[in-house]
Structures are given as structure tokens and as C-alpha cells.
Amino acid sequence: MGIFSRKKPAVEDKLSTANQPLIWGPTKAGTFVSERTAMQTAAVYACVRVISEAIASLPLHVYRYEDGGMRMDPQHHLYYLLHDAPNDEMTSFSFRETLMSHLLLYGNAYAQILRDGGGRVREIYPLLPNKMEVHRGADGKLYYTYWRDYDEARPQEKSGGITFKRDEILHIPGLSHDGISGYSPIDLARNAVGLAAATEEYGSSFFKNGANPGAILEYPGTLEEPDKVRVIWEALYKGGGNGNRLAVLEDGMTFKQVALRPDQAQFLETRKFQINEIARIFRVPLHMIGDLDKSSFNNIEQQSMEFVKYTLDPWVVRWEQALRQSLVLPSERGSTVIKFNLDGLLRGDYATRMNGYATGIQNGFLSQNDVRRLENLNPIPNGDTYAVNGNMVDLDNIGAAYGTNGGNGDA
């Protein structure tokens, strides 16, 4: 990969440690949470997957300002990299999905930029955010040091840091305290994620014991080997598969089930609330991660539209501005734009779209071929004509058809 191409001199003055945890040790629920272990929680995995796949599946194009508007520029050197494949090993989808997952988990996404002699981008490779440190050098400029493991170095090299200049790194930061390095959402919400993980662990233990909260074996006398009795009992009756086995008790021994405590009875409610908490962190509608309790046919479409406007759109703007700042040559920034296309996600149902198209055609701001392109249909001959409804005239021309003699039609 590109990170092994060449080394840079070390820089001074470490600027940010945003990728380091704010608090070391277990969460208040007693579980250890990191960006990797958080993905073992179903709600976190679902939210990260929903947003990452949505960003990765959006059409991404390069446009050029032309004649007072924007025109797609498939011949631009960035078009193929962003739309199809940023390097020889990844597709555009997998590249954007990877970087978006880094953003959602670590709060930062990094990629190395390889350029040709003229400064044009040739390839882009993702870098792991937990191995990156941001520095400000003695010259006041930003530098990025990537700390490689032993297995990432070439055979003739040792593990260690490689320092990159600002124009060699694509950096997309999330919510930030300094505008440079983003906060880790998982680190900030570690207690909420930790509680969700703790409830999963409790549930696993509960069902491992045959869904029984606990029990007591009473013996009227004194047992010589109580541990042996406990081991034999658990071997025979512990676990979900042994829950309905017939127990045989001897010598007056009795079995008493321990009642389920009120806090244990709230287990399902706690798990459900933590799903809501995690969805709130990522701003994902519950129906998109499989919780349909409060969803209906009437509100799911509206919630999906809000997901595009309030969840995806801020991420899209971050991506667009970071890509333009890092990839577009300074000489082209006044004429070149990189944009995601959200139109497909914002489209309503078929009847609503057809009514909107009819309004656009009748009022002259859409042609038949414009509509066909939006619906992925081939253009038709003479379909690029723009027209307006014939019964609409300018205010200045009202009454002109009736002549100039009082509206009686006489010339």
C-alpha cells in the first residue's frame, strides 16, 4: 500500500490526542468499551452499518462550473477515483464505507493521497485512525504521523512512525473541540454503550443457566461434600438444553426456586431503552435498525426523509468539503465541485413523484427528458423542449386577445 512509499522527517509539538480514550478503565456498568468492542453491540453495529452503507451507495460526481450552472465532468482526473475506484485494491463503495465507519466510531477518517509529478491525485488509501497523530511543526504547519505495527513495515524497515505533510493526507474530522481532530463518539458515549453490553452479558448468563434466576438445594442434615453435589447438579440441569429435565432428590433434599427480582424483571425494558440511546447517539430512526414498535406506514416515509436531511446531509457536507479541500488542485478550486447526489433518497412514492414531474413540465422548469433521466429512462426525440401551460400569460398581456375596443373583439 501507499503508506510504505517513503518516510518523512519527524516533526515537533504534538497537537492532538483526540483518538486516545478520555477515560481509561471500565465503564460504570463494569464493561470495557472501545471502538472495536462497541461493534459487538448489535445496535451500534446496525447504526454504523446503516449510515456507512448509505454514504457509500450515494452517487459521487465531479462537476464543473459552466455557463452559469454546473455540468458533470467525467473527464476530470478525480472522477474515476471517486466514482469507481480510489486505488487498485478497493472500489469506491468499500473505500467510502470504510472511512465512514471510521468517522462514526473514532470521530476521524484518514487516507493517504498519492500524487503524480504535477500534483494530480493518482491513488487514495485509507489509514487506521487509531494509529494517527496530528502534529504542528516548527513551521506552524500541520503534519500527520502514522504509527505502523511490525507487520505493516517492509522487510528492510522497522516498525515506527511515518510523518506526512498536510497535502498528503485526506482528513475528514467529525465533531471537534479544535476544528482539526474529531471526538470519538464511542468514547463520549462509552457508558451508554457499556450498559447495552452489560445487559447483553447478563442475558447470555441468564439463558446459560436455563433461564432460571437461581435456586437453592436444602438438605435437612449436614452435607459432607457440598461442592461435589453442586457440580453434579449443574452438570445435569444447568443450561438451556437441560431446563426441563426431571430431577430426582434423595434423603429429604428439597429444591427451592429463587424468585425473580424486580430489577431482573426490567431486563427487557433496559435493553430496549439502550437501543433507543444508541440510535439517539447516531441519530438513526429506530425503524432502520429493526425496531418497528413506534413506526407505521404513515410515518416511516417521513422518518426516512428526516434521516436523509438531518443525519446524512451533515455527513455529506463534511465529505464534500474535505474532498474538495484535499484533492482538488488549487488552480481548479474556482471551477471544480465534488458533490454527492441525494435526489434518489429524497424521492417520494411513485404517485408523489409523478405529480411533481407534471408540475415541473407544465411550468417549464423540467422537460420530458429531464424527467426520464431522473427515472433512469432513455431520452426520447424532441424531449428536451421546455414549455408552459398555454392558458397562462404575462400580466401585461391580459386582455390583449380581446382587442383594444373594450373587449368586444373588434379591431
Protein backbone atom coordinates (compact mmCIF):
# COMPACT_ATOMS: atom_id res chain seq x y z
CA MET A 1 0.00 0.00 0.00
CA GLY A 2 0.97 3.64 -0.33
CA ILE A 3 1.96 4.21 3.29
CA PHE A 4 5.23 2.38 2.69
CA SER A 5 6.37 4.56 -0.22
CA ARG A 6 8.65 6.94 1.65
CA LYS A 7 9.46 8.37 5.06
CA LYS A 8 9.30 11.96 6.24
CA PRO A 9 11.37 13.77 8.83
CA ALA A 10 9.97 13.87 12.33
CA VAL A 11 8.08 16.94 13.50
CA GLU A 12 7.67 18.54 16.88
CA ASP A 13 4.86 19.74 19.14
CA LYS A 14 2.18 17.11 19.34
CA LEU A 15 -1.07 18.91 18.66
CA SER A 16 -3.88 16.49 19.41
CA THR A 17 -4.57 13.18 21.12
CA ALA A 18 -8.25 13.09 20.16
CA ASN A 19 -8.02 9.41 19.27
CA GLN A 20 -6.95 8.44 22.77
CA PRO A 21 -9.73 7.48 25.22
CA LEU A 22 -10.94 10.23 27.52
CA ILE A 23 -11.22 7.78 30.42
CA TRP A 24 -9.24 4.59 30.87
CA GLY A 25 -10.75 1.55 32.55
CA PRO A 26 -14.21 0.02 32.68
CA THR A 27 -17.46 1.90 32.23
CA LYS A 28 -19.83 2.50 35.13
CA ALA A 29 -21.63 -0.72 34.15
CA GLY A 30 -18.36 -2.61 34.65
CA THR A 31 -17.72 -3.38 30.98
CA PHE A 32 -14.76 -2.29 28.89
CA VAL A 33 -15.73 -0.34 25.78
CA SER A 34 -13.54 0.59 22.82
CA GLU A 35 -14.29 1.41 19.20
CA ARG A 36 -13.79 -2.24 18.28
CA THR A 37 -15.68 -3.86 21.16
CA ALA A 38 -18.56 -1.43 20.68
CA MET A 39 -19.25 -3.07 17.30
CA GLN A 40 -20.13 -6.28 19.17
CA THR A 41 -23.23 -4.47 20.42
CA ALA A 42 -25.98 -5.09 17.89
CA ALA A 43 -27.43 -1.55 17.99
CA VAL A 44 -24.01 0.07 17.43
CA TYR A 45 -23.24 -2.28 14.56
CA ALA A 46 -26.64 -1.62 12.99
CA CYS A 47 -26.30 2.19 13.22
CA VAL A 48 -22.75 2.21 11.84
CA ARG A 49 -23.76 -0.10 9.02
CA VAL A 50 -26.86 1.91 8.06
CA ILE A 51 -25.02 5.24 7.81
CA SER A 52 -21.85 3.81 6.23
CA GLU A 53 -23.72 1.92 3.54
CA ALA A 54 -25.94 4.93 2.81
CA ILE A 55 -22.93 7.23 2.29
CA ALA A 56 -21.11 4.58 0.25
CA SER A 57 -24.09 3.97 -2.05
CA LEU A 58 -24.74 7.62 -2.93
CA PRO A 59 -23.65 8.68 -6.43
CA LEU A 60 -20.48 10.79 -6.18
CA HIS A 61 -19.59 13.01 -9.14
CA VAL A 62 -17.20 15.76 -10.14
CA TYR A 63 -18.82 18.87 -11.64
CA ARG A 64 -17.50 21.90 -13.49
CA TYR A 65 -18.98 25.40 -13.34
CA GLU A 66 -20.07 26.26 -16.86
CA ASP A 67 -22.46 28.81 -18.40
CA GLY A 68 -23.87 29.89 -15.06
CA GLY A 69 -24.50 26.33 -13.86
CA MET A 70 -22.80 23.04 -13.06
CA ARG A 71 -22.12 20.30 -15.60
CA MET A 72 -20.86 16.81 -14.78
CA ASP A 73 -17.20 16.35 -15.77
CA PRO A 74 -16.46 12.62 -16.34
CA GLN A 75 -13.13 13.53 -17.96
CA HIS A 76 -11.72 15.08 -14.80
CA HIS A 77 -8.85 13.07 -13.29
CA LEU A 78 -10.70 12.76 -9.94
CA TYR A 79 -13.92 11.44 -11.44
CA TYR A 80 -12.81 7.81 -11.83
CA LEU A 81 -11.07 7.77 -8.43
CA LEU A 82 -14.14 8.98 -6.55
CA HIS A 83 -16.87 7.38 -8.63
CA ASP A 84 -15.29 3.99 -9.38
CA ALA A 85 -12.04 3.06 -7.62
CA PRO A 86 -9.70 5.19 -5.48
CA ASN A 87 -6.93 2.58 -5.75
CA ASP A 88 -6.21 -0.82 -7.29
CA GLU A 89 -7.44 -2.71 -4.23
CA MET A 90 -10.78 -1.08 -3.39
CA THR A 91 -13.98 0.07 -5.04
CA SER A 92 -15.42 3.49 -4.34
CA PHE A 93 -18.16 1.84 -2.28
CA SER A 94 -15.80 -0.08 0.01
CA PHE A 95 -13.48 2.93 0.35
CA ARG A 96 -16.27 5.28 1.43
CA GLU A 97 -17.89 2.63 3.62
CA THR A 98 -14.58 2.09 5.44
CA LEU A 99 -13.88 5.78 6.00
CA MET A 100 -17.45 6.45 7.11
CA SER A 101 -17.25 3.65 9.68
CA HIS A 102 -14.01 5.21 10.97
CA LEU A 103 -15.79 8.54 11.30
CA LEU A 104 -18.69 7.06 13.23
CA LEU A 105 -16.51 5.06 15.61
CA TYR A 106 -13.35 7.15 16.02
CA GLY A 107 -14.56 10.61 15.01
CA ASN A 108 -11.88 10.92 12.31
CA ALA A 109 -11.23 9.39 8.90
CA TYR A 110 -7.79 9.46 7.27
CA ALA A 111 -6.49 8.39 3.87
CA GLN A 112 -3.10 8.76 2.21
CA ILE A 113 -3.00 10.67 -1.07
CA LEU A 114 -0.50 9.61 -3.74
CA ARG A 115 0.15 12.25 -6.43
CA ASP A 116 1.99 12.40 -9.73
CA GLY A 117 4.66 14.94 -10.62
CA GLY A 118 2.06 17.55 -11.48
CA GLY A 119 0.27 17.25 -8.13
CA ARG A 120 -2.71 15.35 -9.54
CA VAL A 121 -4.11 12.56 -7.37
CA ARG A 122 -3.26 9.05 -8.56
CA GLU A 123 -4.48 6.88 -5.68
CA ILE A 124 -6.03 7.18 -2.23
CA TYR A 125 -5.58 4.60 0.54
CA PRO A 126 -7.45 4.53 3.89
CA LEU A 127 -5.44 4.65 7.13
CA LEU A 128 -6.48 3.42 10.55
CA PRO A 129 -7.48 6.42 12.70
CA ASN A 130 -6.30 4.89 16.00
CA LYS A 131 -2.72 4.88 14.65
CA MET A 132 -2.69 8.52 13.54
CA GLU A 133 -1.43 11.53 15.48
CA VAL A 134 -1.75 15.16 14.40
CA HIS A 135 1.20 17.49 14.96
CA ARG A 136 2.03 21.10 14.33
CA GLY A 137 5.61 21.53 13.22
CA ALA A 138 8.08 24.29 13.97
CA ASP A 139 6.97 25.95 10.74
CA GLY A 140 3.38 26.20 12.05
CA LYS A 141 2.00 23.69 9.52
CA LEU A 142 0.06 20.51 10.27
CA TYR A 143 1.71 17.11 9.97
CA TYR A 144 0.29 13.62 10.39
CA THR A 145 2.29 10.74 11.89
CA TYR A 146 1.07 7.22 11.22
CA TRP A 147 2.41 4.62 13.66
CA ARG A 148 2.90 1.30 11.89
CA ASP A 149 2.93 -2.10 13.52
CA TYR A 150 5.73 -4.53 12.79
CA ASP A 151 3.68 -6.47 10.26
CA GLU A 152 2.91 -3.29 8.28
CA ALA A 153 6.55 -2.39 7.60
CA ARG A 154 8.63 -3.61 4.71
CA PRO A 155 11.14 -6.38 5.47
CA GLN A 156 14.08 -3.95 5.45
CA GLU A 157 12.30 -1.47 7.73
CA LYS A 158 11.38 -1.42 11.39
CA SER A 159 8.03 -0.56 12.85
CA GLY A 160 7.56 3.08 13.74
CA GLY A 161 6.05 6.34 12.61
CA ILE A 162 5.85 7.83 9.14
CA THR A 163 5.13 11.55 9.00
CA PHE A 164 3.08 13.04 6.18
CA LYS A 165 2.55 16.62 5.08
CA ARG A 166 -0.94 18.12 5.05
CA ASP A 167 -1.37 17.73 1.29
CA GLU A 168 -0.57 14.00 1.53
CA ILE A 169 -3.50 13.19 3.82
CA LEU A 170 -7.24 13.30 3.29
CA HIS A 171 -8.65 14.04 6.75
CA ILE A 172 -12.38 14.15 7.46
CA PRO A 173 -12.96 15.15 11.10
CA GLY A 174 -16.22 14.73 12.97
CA LEU A 175 -17.49 16.91 15.81
CA SER A 176 -14.38 18.57 17.20
CA HIS A 177 -13.11 20.77 20.04
CA ASP A 178 -10.45 22.43 17.88
CA GLY A 179 -11.70 22.03 14.31
CA ILE A 180 -8.84 19.67 13.48
CA SER A 181 -9.31 16.33 15.29
CA GLY A 182 -12.78 14.98 15.99
CA TYR A 183 -14.16 13.43 19.16
CA SER A 184 -14.69 9.68 19.27
CA PRO A 185 -18.50 9.18 19.57
CA ILE A 186 -17.95 5.79 21.21
CA ASP A 187 -15.61 7.31 23.78
CA LEU A 188 -18.04 10.09 24.65
CA ALA A 189 -20.98 7.67 24.90
CA ARG A 190 -19.00 4.82 26.47
CA ASN A 191 -21.33 4.47 29.48
CA ALA A 192 -24.43 4.15 27.28
CA VAL A 193 -22.71 1.56 25.09
CA GLY A 194 -21.27 -0.14 28.16
CA LEU A 195 -24.71 -0.53 29.73
CA ALA A 196 -26.03 -2.07 26.50
CA ALA A 197 -23.09 -4.50 26.50
CA ALA A 198 -23.69 -5.31 30.17
CA THR A 199 -27.35 -6.16 29.55
CA GLU A 200 -26.30 -8.48 26.71
CA GLU A 201 -23.81 -10.20 29.01
CA TYR A 202 -26.48 -10.54 31.70
CA GLY A 203 -28.93 -12.02 29.19
CA SER A 204 -26.35 -14.51 27.96
CA SER A 205 -25.61 -15.62 31.51
CA PHE A 206 -29.33 -15.83 32.29
CA PHE A 207 -30.05 -18.18 29.41
CA LYS A 208 -26.86 -20.12 30.00
CA ASN A 209 -28.42 -21.08 33.33
CA GLY A 210 -31.57 -22.35 31.63
CA ALA A 211 -33.39 -19.02 32.01
CA ASN A 212 -33.65 -19.66 35.75
CA PRO A 213 -32.61 -16.82 38.08
CA GLY A 214 -31.16 -19.22 40.65
CA ALA A 215 -32.17 -21.94 43.10
CA ILE A 216 -31.39 -23.46 46.50
CA LEU A 217 -30.96 -27.14 47.37
CA GLU A 218 -31.91 -27.71 51.03
CA TYR A 219 -30.71 -30.71 52.99
CA PRO A 220 -32.01 -31.48 56.49
CA GLY A 221 -28.64 -32.66 57.74
CA THR A 222 -25.05 -31.75 57.00
CA LEU A 223 -23.56 -32.44 53.59
CA GLU A 224 -20.06 -33.84 53.67
CA GLU A 225 -19.24 -32.75 50.11
CA PRO A 226 -21.48 -29.78 49.15
CA ASP A 227 -19.21 -28.73 46.27
CA LYS A 228 -19.49 -32.16 44.71
CA VAL A 229 -23.31 -32.00 44.92
CA ARG A 230 -23.27 -28.54 43.30
CA VAL A 231 -21.05 -29.72 40.45
CA ILE A 232 -23.20 -32.77 39.77
CA TRP A 233 -26.42 -30.70 39.87
CA GLU A 234 -25.09 -28.07 37.47
CA ALA A 235 -23.79 -30.73 35.10
CA LEU A 236 -27.23 -32.34 34.95
CA TYR A 237 -29.57 -29.34 34.99
CA LYS A 238 -27.68 -26.16 34.10
CA GLY A 239 -28.09 -24.67 30.62
CA GLY A 240 -30.96 -24.07 28.23
CA GLY A 241 -30.89 -27.65 26.92
CA ASN A 242 -31.29 -29.12 30.41
CA GLY A 243 -34.02 -26.82 31.67
CA ASN A 244 -36.84 -29.40 31.52
CA ARG A 245 -35.02 -32.48 32.72
CA LEU A 246 -36.59 -34.48 35.55
CA ALA A 247 -34.71 -34.07 38.84
CA VAL A 248 -34.51 -36.90 41.39
CA LEU A 249 -33.81 -35.83 45.02
CA GLU A 250 -32.78 -38.15 47.85
CA ASP A 251 -32.61 -38.16 51.66
CA GLY A 252 -35.13 -35.37 52.22
CA MET A 253 -33.35 -32.87 49.94
CA THR A 254 -35.68 -30.14 48.57
CA PHE A 255 -35.40 -27.72 45.69
CA LYS A 256 -36.49 -24.07 46.04
CA GLN A 257 -36.59 -21.62 43.12
CA VAL A 258 -35.37 -18.10 43.88
CA ALA A 259 -37.93 -15.51 42.84
CA LEU A 260 -37.05 -13.13 40.03
CA ARG A 261 -36.05 -9.78 41.49
CA PRO A 262 -37.76 -6.57 40.26
CA ASP A 263 -34.51 -5.28 38.72
CA GLN A 264 -34.18 -8.52 36.75
CA ALA A 265 -37.80 -8.25 35.64
CA GLN A 266 -36.90 -4.92 33.97
CA PHE A 267 -34.21 -6.58 31.84
CA LEU A 268 -36.08 -6.35 28.54
CA GLU A 269 -37.11 -2.76 29.18
CA THR A 270 -33.50 -1.85 29.93
CA ARG A 271 -32.26 -3.48 26.75
CA LYS A 272 -34.90 -1.68 24.71
CA PHE A 273 -34.07 1.70 26.24
CA GLN A 274 -30.37 1.23 25.46
CA ILE A 275 -31.22 0.58 21.83
CA ASN A 276 -33.02 3.93 21.82
CA GLU A 277 -30.00 5.57 23.47
CA ILE A 278 -27.56 4.25 20.87
CA ALA A 279 -29.87 5.20 17.99
CA ARG A 280 -30.05 8.69 19.53
CA ILE A 281 -26.25 8.95 19.56
CA PHE A 282 -26.03 8.24 15.84
CA ARG A 283 -29.33 9.99 15.00
CA VAL A 284 -30.76 6.94 13.27
CA PRO A 285 -34.55 6.29 13.16
CA LEU A 286 -35.44 3.18 15.13
CA HIS A 287 -37.22 1.52 12.23
CA MET A 288 -33.93 1.49 10.29
CA ILE A 289 -32.30 -0.75 12.90
CA GLY A 290 -35.22 -3.13 13.22
CA ASP A 291 -37.37 -1.54 15.95
CA LEU A 292 -40.85 -1.03 14.49
CA ASP A 293 -42.82 -0.52 17.71
CA LYS A 294 -43.49 3.17 17.09
CA SER A 295 -43.47 3.06 13.30
CA SER A 296 -46.35 2.85 10.87
CA PHE A 297 -46.92 3.08 7.14
CA ASN A 298 -47.84 6.73 7.67
CA ASN A 299 -44.67 7.87 9.41
CA ILE A 300 -41.89 5.60 8.09
CA GLU A 301 -41.56 7.59 4.85
CA GLN A 302 -41.36 10.85 6.79
CA GLN A 303 -38.78 9.40 9.16
CA SER A 304 -36.72 8.20 6.21
CA MET A 305 -36.78 11.70 4.70
CA GLU A 306 -35.67 13.15 8.05
CA PHE A 307 -32.83 10.59 8.13
CA VAL A 308 -31.56 11.98 4.83
CA LYS A 309 -31.96 15.64 5.85
CA TYR A 310 -30.75 15.57 9.44
CA THR A 311 -28.42 12.55 9.57
CA LEU A 312 -26.87 12.02 6.15
CA ASP A 313 -26.78 15.61 4.89
CA PRO A 314 -24.34 16.93 7.56
CA TRP A 315 -22.01 13.99 6.87
CA VAL A 316 -22.30 14.61 3.12
CA VAL A 317 -21.27 18.25 3.56
CA ARG A 318 -18.26 17.18 5.66
CA TRP A 319 -17.22 14.74 2.94
CA GLU A 320 -17.71 17.17 0.07
CA GLN A 321 -15.74 19.99 1.66
CA ALA A 322 -12.91 17.71 2.83
CA LEU A 323 -12.60 16.08 -0.61
CA ARG A 324 -12.55 19.42 -2.37
CA GLN A 325 -10.01 20.90 0.06
CA SER A 326 -7.63 17.93 -0.08
CA LEU A 327 -7.98 16.55 -3.62
CA VAL A 328 -8.81 19.41 -5.97
CA LEU A 329 -5.80 21.35 -7.24
CA PRO A 330 -5.66 24.98 -6.03
CA SER A 331 -5.85 26.17 -9.63
CA GLU A 332 -9.15 24.27 -10.11
CA ARG A 333 -10.98 25.14 -6.92
CA GLY A 334 -12.81 28.04 -8.52
CA SER A 335 -14.29 25.83 -11.25
CA THR A 336 -14.47 22.26 -9.89
CA VAL A 337 -17.01 20.88 -7.41
CA ILE A 338 -17.35 17.42 -5.83
CA LYS A 339 -20.92 16.53 -4.88
CA PHE A 340 -22.96 13.60 -3.66
CA ASN A 341 -26.38 13.13 -5.23
CA LEU A 342 -29.11 12.78 -2.58
CA ASP A 343 -32.01 13.06 -5.01
CA GLY A 344 -32.62 9.32 -5.12
CA LEU A 345 -33.06 9.12 -1.33
CA LEU A 346 -35.33 12.16 -1.21
CA ARG A 347 -37.76 10.88 -3.81
CA GLY A 348 -41.24 10.09 -2.56
CA ASP A 349 -43.53 7.30 -3.69
CA TYR A 350 -44.45 6.85 -7.36
CA ALA A 351 -47.67 8.89 -7.30
CA THR A 352 -45.99 11.81 -5.50
CA ARG A 353 -43.07 11.82 -7.94
CA MET A 354 -45.37 11.80 -10.98
CA ASN A 355 -47.38 14.73 -9.62
CA GLY A 356 -44.15 16.66 -9.02
CA TYR A 357 -42.86 15.89 -12.50
CA ALA A 358 -46.18 17.01 -14.04
CA THR A 359 -45.93 20.33 -12.18
CA GLY A 360 -42.35 20.81 -13.41
CA ILE A 361 -43.24 20.10 -17.05
CA GLN A 362 -46.33 22.34 -17.02
CA ASN A 363 -44.39 25.23 -15.53
CA GLY A 364 -41.39 24.99 -17.84
CA PHE A 365 -38.56 24.10 -15.45
CA LEU A 366 -38.48 20.39 -16.42
CA SER A 367 -38.51 18.76 -19.85
CA GLN A 368 -39.68 15.25 -20.69
CA ASN A 369 -36.08 14.08 -20.98
CA ASP A 370 -35.20 15.68 -17.63
CA VAL A 371 -37.88 13.52 -16.04
CA ARG A 372 -36.77 10.41 -17.94
CA ARG A 373 -33.19 10.88 -16.75
CA LEU A 374 -34.37 11.20 -13.15
CA GLU A 375 -36.25 7.91 -13.59
CA ASN A 376 -33.25 6.22 -15.30
CA LEU A 377 -35.03 6.03 -18.67
CA ASN A 378 -33.54 6.68 -22.11
CA PRO A 379 -34.21 10.11 -23.67
CA ILE A 380 -36.75 10.47 -26.47
CA PRO A 381 -36.55 12.58 -29.66
CA ASN A 382 -37.68 16.19 -29.18
CA GLY A 383 -37.90 15.57 -25.45
CA ASP A 384 -35.66 18.49 -24.44
CA THR A 385 -38.25 21.16 -25.16
CA TYR A 386 -39.35 23.38 -22.26
CA ALA A 387 -42.95 24.58 -22.40
CA VAL A 388 -45.57 26.20 -20.20
CA ASN A 389 -49.29 25.70 -19.92
CA GLY A 390 -50.98 27.63 -22.75
CA ASN A 391 -53.63 29.29 -20.57
CA MET A 392 -51.02 31.27 -18.64
CA VAL A 393 -49.98 34.73 -19.96
CA ASP A 394 -47.98 37.69 -18.64
CA LEU A 395 -49.87 40.22 -16.52
CA ASP A 396 -49.03 42.92 -19.07
CA ASN A 397 -50.74 40.94 -21.83
CA ILE A 398 -54.01 40.19 -20.04
CA GLY A 399 -56.89 41.33 -22.30
CA ALA A 400 -54.72 41.64 -25.42
CA ALA A 401 -56.64 38.85 -27.10
CA TYR A 402 -59.85 40.88 -26.82
CA GLY A 403 -58.55 43.80 -28.87
CA THR A 404 -58.30 47.44 -27.87
CA ASN A 405 -62.03 48.48 -28.07
CA GLY A 406 -63.41 47.50 -24.70
CA GLY A 407 -63.01 43.76 -25.02
CA ASN A 408 -65.64 43.25 -27.78
CA GLY A 409 -63.16 41.64 -30.11
CA ASP A 410 -63.33 44.44 -32.77
CA ALA A 411 -60.02 45.65 -34.20
